[in-house]
Amino acid sequence: MRAVFRAPFVVGILSMGITLAGGAVMPWHATAAEPSNTVVMKNFDFSPMVLTVRAGTTVTWKNMDGEPHTVASIDGAFHSSGLDQGESFSFKFGKPGTYKYLCSIHPQMTAEIVVK
């Protein structure tokens, strides 16, 4: 004798959601992941080293190192105070352009924000 297995519930995928047996609809929303506007300072580096955002976007830098760091644009557009571990600094980019910056304590730490 051969065993026959049958699914107890019927599941269908519709454009409006997932339909379960009995007509119940569970919403299903496919959403694109929002890009992160956060730059992390860790291991004496900025990550990501290049971040592209739209004009009007606020970028936040967060220090995850045990040493203090700053965020200072080469052109003087923004400059944070010294940030200890766990502290952050934010700046809103209003105009398109490329903004190169560094840590004024550790000038080998460099990166850029590209604003479109």
N, C-alpha and C. Protein backbone atom coordinates (compact mmCIF):
# COMPACT_ATOMS: atom_id res chain seq x y z
N MET A 1 0.84 -1.16 0.00
CA MET A 1 0.00 0.00 0.00
C MET A 1 0.89 1.24 0.00
N ARG A 2 0.53 2.18 -0.78
CA ARG A 2 1.30 3.39 -0.93
C ARG A 2 0.66 4.52 -0.14
N ALA A 3 1.48 5.26 0.63
CA ALA A 3 0.96 6.37 1.43
C ALA A 3 0.79 7.60 0.55
N VAL A 4 -0.27 8.32 0.76
CA VAL A 4 -0.52 9.56 0.03
C VAL A 4 -0.55 10.70 1.04
N PHE A 5 0.29 11.71 0.80
CA PHE A 5 0.33 12.86 1.69
C PHE A 5 -0.35 14.04 1.01
N ARG A 6 -1.21 14.70 1.73
CA ARG A 6 -1.90 15.85 1.20
C ARG A 6 -1.71 17.03 2.14
N ALA A 7 -1.48 18.19 1.59
CA ALA A 7 -1.32 19.39 2.41
C ALA A 7 -2.67 19.75 3.02
N PRO A 8 -2.72 20.01 4.31
CA PRO A 8 -3.99 20.34 4.95
C PRO A 8 -4.48 21.74 4.58
N PHE A 9 -3.59 22.62 4.13
CA PHE A 9 -3.97 23.98 3.76
C PHE A 9 -3.50 24.28 2.35
N VAL A 10 -4.29 25.05 1.70
CA VAL A 10 -3.91 25.49 0.36
C VAL A 10 -3.42 26.92 0.48
N VAL A 11 -2.24 27.19 -0.05
CA VAL A 11 -1.68 28.53 0.00
C VAL A 11 -1.49 29.02 -1.42
N GLY A 12 -2.06 30.15 -1.73
CA GLY A 12 -1.88 30.75 -3.05
C GLY A 12 -1.34 32.15 -2.89
N ILE A 13 -0.49 32.55 -3.79
CA ILE A 13 0.07 33.88 -3.74
C ILE A 13 -0.65 34.74 -4.76
N LEU A 14 -1.24 35.83 -4.28
CA LEU A 14 -1.94 36.77 -5.15
C LEU A 14 -1.22 38.10 -5.08
N SER A 15 -1.53 38.98 -5.98
CA SER A 15 -0.89 40.29 -5.98
C SER A 15 -1.25 41.09 -4.73
N MET A 16 -2.37 40.78 -4.10
CA MET A 16 -2.81 41.51 -2.92
C MET A 16 -2.24 40.92 -1.64
N GLY A 17 -1.74 39.71 -1.67
CA GLY A 17 -1.23 39.09 -0.45
C GLY A 17 -1.17 37.59 -0.61
N ILE A 18 -1.08 36.91 0.49
CA ILE A 18 -1.06 35.45 0.50
C ILE A 18 -2.42 34.99 0.98
N THR A 19 -3.09 34.16 0.19
CA THR A 19 -4.41 33.67 0.56
C THR A 19 -4.28 32.31 1.21
N LEU A 20 -4.83 32.19 2.40
CA LEU A 20 -4.81 30.93 3.12
C LEU A 20 -6.14 30.22 2.92
N ALA A 21 -6.18 28.94 3.26
CA ALA A 21 -7.42 28.19 3.16
C ALA A 21 -8.50 28.89 3.97
N GLY A 22 -9.68 28.94 3.48
CA GLY A 22 -10.78 29.60 4.17
C GLY A 22 -10.93 31.05 3.75
N GLY A 23 -10.07 31.52 2.85
CA GLY A 23 -10.21 32.85 2.30
C GLY A 23 -9.49 33.95 3.07
N ALA A 24 -8.82 33.62 4.17
CA ALA A 24 -8.09 34.65 4.91
C ALA A 24 -6.91 35.13 4.07
N VAL A 25 -6.70 36.44 4.08
CA VAL A 25 -5.60 37.02 3.31
C VAL A 25 -4.60 37.64 4.28
N MET A 26 -3.35 37.22 4.15
CA MET A 26 -2.28 37.78 4.95
C MET A 26 -1.53 38.77 4.05
N PRO A 27 -1.46 40.06 4.42
CA PRO A 27 -0.80 41.05 3.57
C PRO A 27 0.65 40.67 3.31
N TRP A 28 1.10 40.97 2.12
CA TRP A 28 2.47 40.67 1.73
C TRP A 28 2.98 41.86 0.97
N HIS A 29 3.90 42.56 1.55
CA HIS A 29 4.43 43.77 0.95
C HIS A 29 5.91 43.58 0.66
N ALA A 30 6.26 43.63 -0.61
CA ALA A 30 7.66 43.57 -0.99
C ALA A 30 8.20 44.99 -0.96
N THR A 31 9.16 45.23 -0.08
CA THR A 31 9.73 46.57 0.01
C THR A 31 11.23 46.48 -0.20
N ALA A 32 11.76 47.48 -0.88
CA ALA A 32 13.20 47.55 -1.07
C ALA A 32 13.83 48.05 0.22
N ALA A 33 14.98 47.53 0.53
CA ALA A 33 15.68 47.98 1.72
C ALA A 33 16.11 49.43 1.54
N GLU A 34 15.85 50.22 2.56
CA GLU A 34 16.26 51.61 2.52
C GLU A 34 17.77 51.68 2.72
N PRO A 35 18.42 52.53 1.94
CA PRO A 35 19.87 52.65 2.13
C PRO A 35 20.16 53.30 3.48
N SER A 36 21.21 52.87 4.11
CA SER A 36 21.61 53.44 5.37
C SER A 36 22.36 54.74 5.13
N ASN A 37 22.05 55.75 5.89
CA ASN A 37 22.74 57.03 5.79
C ASN A 37 23.66 57.20 6.98
N THR A 38 24.21 56.08 7.47
CA THR A 38 25.11 56.10 8.61
C THR A 38 26.50 55.65 8.18
N VAL A 39 27.49 56.40 8.65
CA VAL A 39 28.89 56.04 8.44
C VAL A 39 29.44 55.65 9.80
N VAL A 40 30.08 54.50 9.87
CA VAL A 40 30.63 54.00 11.12
C VAL A 40 32.14 54.23 11.14
N MET A 41 32.63 54.69 12.26
CA MET A 41 34.07 54.84 12.48
C MET A 41 34.51 53.67 13.35
N LYS A 42 35.31 52.78 12.76
CA LYS A 42 35.77 51.59 13.48
C LYS A 42 37.11 51.16 12.90
N ASN A 43 37.99 50.71 13.77
CA ASN A 43 39.33 50.27 13.36
C ASN A 43 40.06 51.37 12.59
N PHE A 44 39.88 52.61 13.05
CA PHE A 44 40.53 53.77 12.44
C PHE A 44 40.22 53.88 10.95
N ASP A 45 38.93 53.69 10.62
CA ASP A 45 38.47 53.77 9.24
C ASP A 45 37.02 54.23 9.23
N PHE A 46 36.60 54.86 8.13
CA PHE A 46 35.21 55.20 7.91
C PHE A 46 34.59 54.11 7.04
N SER A 47 33.39 53.67 7.38
CA SER A 47 32.73 52.64 6.57
C SER A 47 31.26 53.00 6.41
N PRO A 48 30.80 53.19 5.17
CA PRO A 48 31.54 53.04 3.92
C PRO A 48 32.46 54.24 3.67
N MET A 49 33.46 54.03 2.83
CA MET A 49 34.40 55.11 2.52
C MET A 49 33.80 56.09 1.52
N VAL A 50 32.84 55.64 0.72
CA VAL A 50 32.11 56.51 -0.20
C VAL A 50 30.63 56.22 0.01
N LEU A 51 29.87 57.26 0.33
CA LEU A 51 28.43 57.13 0.52
C LEU A 51 27.75 58.10 -0.43
N THR A 52 26.81 57.60 -1.23
CA THR A 52 26.06 58.44 -2.17
C THR A 52 24.65 58.62 -1.64
N VAL A 53 24.23 59.91 -1.55
CA VAL A 53 22.90 60.25 -1.03
C VAL A 53 22.27 61.32 -1.92
N ARG A 54 20.99 61.56 -1.72
CA ARG A 54 20.29 62.63 -2.43
C ARG A 54 20.41 63.93 -1.64
N ALA A 55 20.33 65.05 -2.35
CA ALA A 55 20.33 66.35 -1.68
C ALA A 55 19.19 66.39 -0.67
N GLY A 56 19.44 66.96 0.48
CA GLY A 56 18.44 67.02 1.54
C GLY A 56 18.56 65.90 2.55
N THR A 57 19.49 64.98 2.33
CA THR A 57 19.66 63.82 3.22
C THR A 57 20.56 64.18 4.40
N THR A 58 20.19 63.69 5.56
CA THR A 58 21.03 63.83 6.75
C THR A 58 21.86 62.56 6.90
N VAL A 59 23.17 62.74 7.02
CA VAL A 59 24.09 61.62 7.23
C VAL A 59 24.55 61.67 8.68
N THR A 60 24.63 60.50 9.29
CA THR A 60 25.09 60.38 10.68
C THR A 60 26.35 59.54 10.72
N TRP A 61 27.34 60.03 11.43
CA TRP A 61 28.58 59.30 11.67
C TRP A 61 28.55 58.82 13.12
N LYS A 62 28.93 57.55 13.34
CA LYS A 62 28.94 57.00 14.69
C LYS A 62 30.30 56.40 14.98
N ASN A 63 30.90 56.80 16.11
CA ASN A 63 32.21 56.29 16.49
C ASN A 63 32.06 54.99 17.29
N MET A 64 32.60 53.92 16.74
CA MET A 64 32.56 52.62 17.41
C MET A 64 33.95 52.21 17.89
N ASP A 65 34.93 53.11 17.76
CA ASP A 65 36.29 52.84 18.24
C ASP A 65 36.43 53.26 19.69
N GLY A 66 37.42 52.73 20.35
CA GLY A 66 37.73 53.11 21.72
C GLY A 66 38.50 54.42 21.79
N GLU A 67 38.87 54.97 20.65
CA GLU A 67 39.59 56.24 20.57
C GLU A 67 38.65 57.32 20.04
N PRO A 68 38.87 58.58 20.43
CA PRO A 68 38.03 59.65 19.88
C PRO A 68 38.35 59.91 18.41
N HIS A 69 37.33 60.36 17.67
CA HIS A 69 37.48 60.73 16.26
C HIS A 69 36.66 62.00 16.01
N THR A 70 36.97 62.67 14.90
CA THR A 70 36.16 63.80 14.44
C THR A 70 35.73 63.53 13.02
N VAL A 71 34.82 64.35 12.54
CA VAL A 71 34.38 64.33 11.15
C VAL A 71 34.55 65.76 10.66
N ALA A 72 35.50 65.99 9.74
CA ALA A 72 35.80 67.34 9.29
C ALA A 72 35.91 67.37 7.78
N SER A 73 35.04 68.16 7.13
CA SER A 73 35.11 68.26 5.67
C SER A 73 36.35 69.06 5.28
N ILE A 74 36.94 68.68 4.16
CA ILE A 74 38.15 69.35 3.67
C ILE A 74 37.83 70.80 3.32
N ASP A 75 36.61 71.08 2.81
CA ASP A 75 36.26 72.44 2.39
C ASP A 75 35.64 73.28 3.51
N GLY A 76 35.57 72.74 4.73
CA GLY A 76 35.05 73.49 5.86
C GLY A 76 33.54 73.52 5.99
N ALA A 77 32.82 72.73 5.20
CA ALA A 77 31.35 72.73 5.24
C ALA A 77 30.80 72.20 6.57
N PHE A 78 31.50 71.27 7.20
CA PHE A 78 31.06 70.73 8.48
C PHE A 78 32.27 70.25 9.28
N HIS A 79 32.11 70.23 10.60
CA HIS A 79 33.18 69.77 11.49
C HIS A 79 32.56 69.40 12.83
N SER A 80 32.79 68.17 13.24
CA SER A 80 32.28 67.73 14.54
C SER A 80 33.30 68.05 15.62
N SER A 81 32.84 67.99 16.85
CA SER A 81 33.77 68.00 17.97
C SER A 81 34.33 66.58 18.09
N GLY A 82 35.21 66.34 19.03
CA GLY A 82 35.71 64.99 19.26
C GLY A 82 34.59 64.07 19.70
N LEU A 83 34.48 62.93 19.06
CA LEU A 83 33.42 61.96 19.37
C LEU A 83 34.03 60.77 20.09
N ASP A 84 33.58 60.51 21.30
CA ASP A 84 34.03 59.33 22.03
C ASP A 84 33.24 58.11 21.55
N GLN A 85 33.66 56.95 21.99
CA GLN A 85 33.00 55.71 21.58
C GLN A 85 31.51 55.77 21.89
N GLY A 86 30.69 55.45 20.87
CA GLY A 86 29.23 55.44 21.01
C GLY A 86 28.58 56.77 20.68
N GLU A 87 29.35 57.84 20.53
CA GLU A 87 28.78 59.14 20.20
C GLU A 87 28.64 59.30 18.69
N SER A 88 27.76 60.23 18.29
CA SER A 88 27.52 60.42 16.86
C SER A 88 27.43 61.90 16.52
N PHE A 89 27.52 62.18 15.23
CA PHE A 89 27.44 63.52 14.67
C PHE A 89 26.62 63.42 13.40
N SER A 90 25.73 64.39 13.15
CA SER A 90 24.90 64.38 11.94
C SER A 90 25.04 65.70 11.20
N PHE A 91 24.89 65.63 9.88
CA PHE A 91 24.94 66.81 9.02
C PHE A 91 23.99 66.60 7.86
N LYS A 92 23.20 67.64 7.54
CA LYS A 92 22.25 67.57 6.42
C LYS A 92 22.91 68.18 5.18
N PHE A 93 22.95 67.41 4.09
CA PHE A 93 23.56 67.84 2.84
C PHE A 93 22.49 68.45 1.94
N GLY A 94 22.56 69.76 1.75
CA GLY A 94 21.55 70.46 0.97
C GLY A 94 21.87 70.61 -0.50
N LYS A 95 23.15 70.61 -0.85
CA LYS A 95 23.55 70.86 -2.24
C LYS A 95 24.28 69.66 -2.84
N PRO A 96 24.04 69.38 -4.12
CA PRO A 96 24.79 68.33 -4.80
C PRO A 96 26.29 68.66 -4.81
N GLY A 97 27.09 67.62 -4.82
CA GLY A 97 28.54 67.78 -4.88
C GLY A 97 29.22 66.61 -4.21
N THR A 98 30.54 66.65 -4.21
CA THR A 98 31.34 65.63 -3.54
C THR A 98 32.01 66.29 -2.34
N TYR A 99 31.77 65.73 -1.17
CA TYR A 99 32.27 66.28 0.08
C TYR A 99 33.30 65.31 0.66
N LYS A 100 34.57 65.67 0.54
CA LYS A 100 35.65 64.85 1.11
C LYS A 100 35.85 65.27 2.55
N TYR A 101 36.11 64.29 3.40
CA TYR A 101 36.29 64.58 4.81
C TYR A 101 37.32 63.65 5.43
N LEU A 102 37.73 64.01 6.65
CA LEU A 102 38.72 63.21 7.38
C LEU A 102 38.49 63.34 8.87
N CYS A 103 39.24 62.56 9.63
CA CYS A 103 39.28 62.71 11.08
C CYS A 103 40.45 63.63 11.36
N SER A 104 40.20 64.79 11.98
CA SER A 104 41.29 65.74 12.21
C SER A 104 42.29 65.24 13.25
N ILE A 105 41.92 64.25 14.05
CA ILE A 105 42.85 63.65 15.02
C ILE A 105 43.72 62.61 14.33
N HIS A 106 43.13 61.88 13.38
CA HIS A 106 43.83 60.81 12.64
C HIS A 106 43.66 61.08 11.15
N PRO A 107 44.44 62.01 10.57
CA PRO A 107 44.22 62.46 9.18
C PRO A 107 44.36 61.38 8.10
N GLN A 108 44.86 60.20 8.48
CA GLN A 108 44.91 59.10 7.51
C GLN A 108 43.52 58.52 7.28
N MET A 109 42.57 58.84 8.15
CA MET A 109 41.19 58.40 8.00
C MET A 109 40.49 59.38 7.06
N THR A 110 40.21 58.95 5.84
CA THR A 110 39.56 59.82 4.86
C THR A 110 38.39 59.08 4.20
N ALA A 111 37.43 59.85 3.71
CA ALA A 111 36.28 59.28 3.02
C ALA A 111 35.55 60.41 2.29
N GLU A 112 34.42 60.09 1.66
CA GLU A 112 33.66 61.13 0.97
C GLU A 112 32.17 60.81 0.91
N ILE A 113 31.40 61.89 0.84
CA ILE A 113 29.96 61.81 0.64
C ILE A 113 29.68 62.41 -0.73
N VAL A 114 28.98 61.68 -1.59
CA VAL A 114 28.59 62.17 -2.91
C VAL A 114 27.10 62.47 -2.82
N VAL A 115 26.75 63.73 -3.10
CA VAL A 115 25.36 64.18 -3.01
C VAL A 115 24.87 64.45 -4.41
N LYS A 116 23.76 63.80 -4.80
CA LYS A 116 23.19 63.96 -6.14
C LYS A 116 21.90 64.73 -6.07
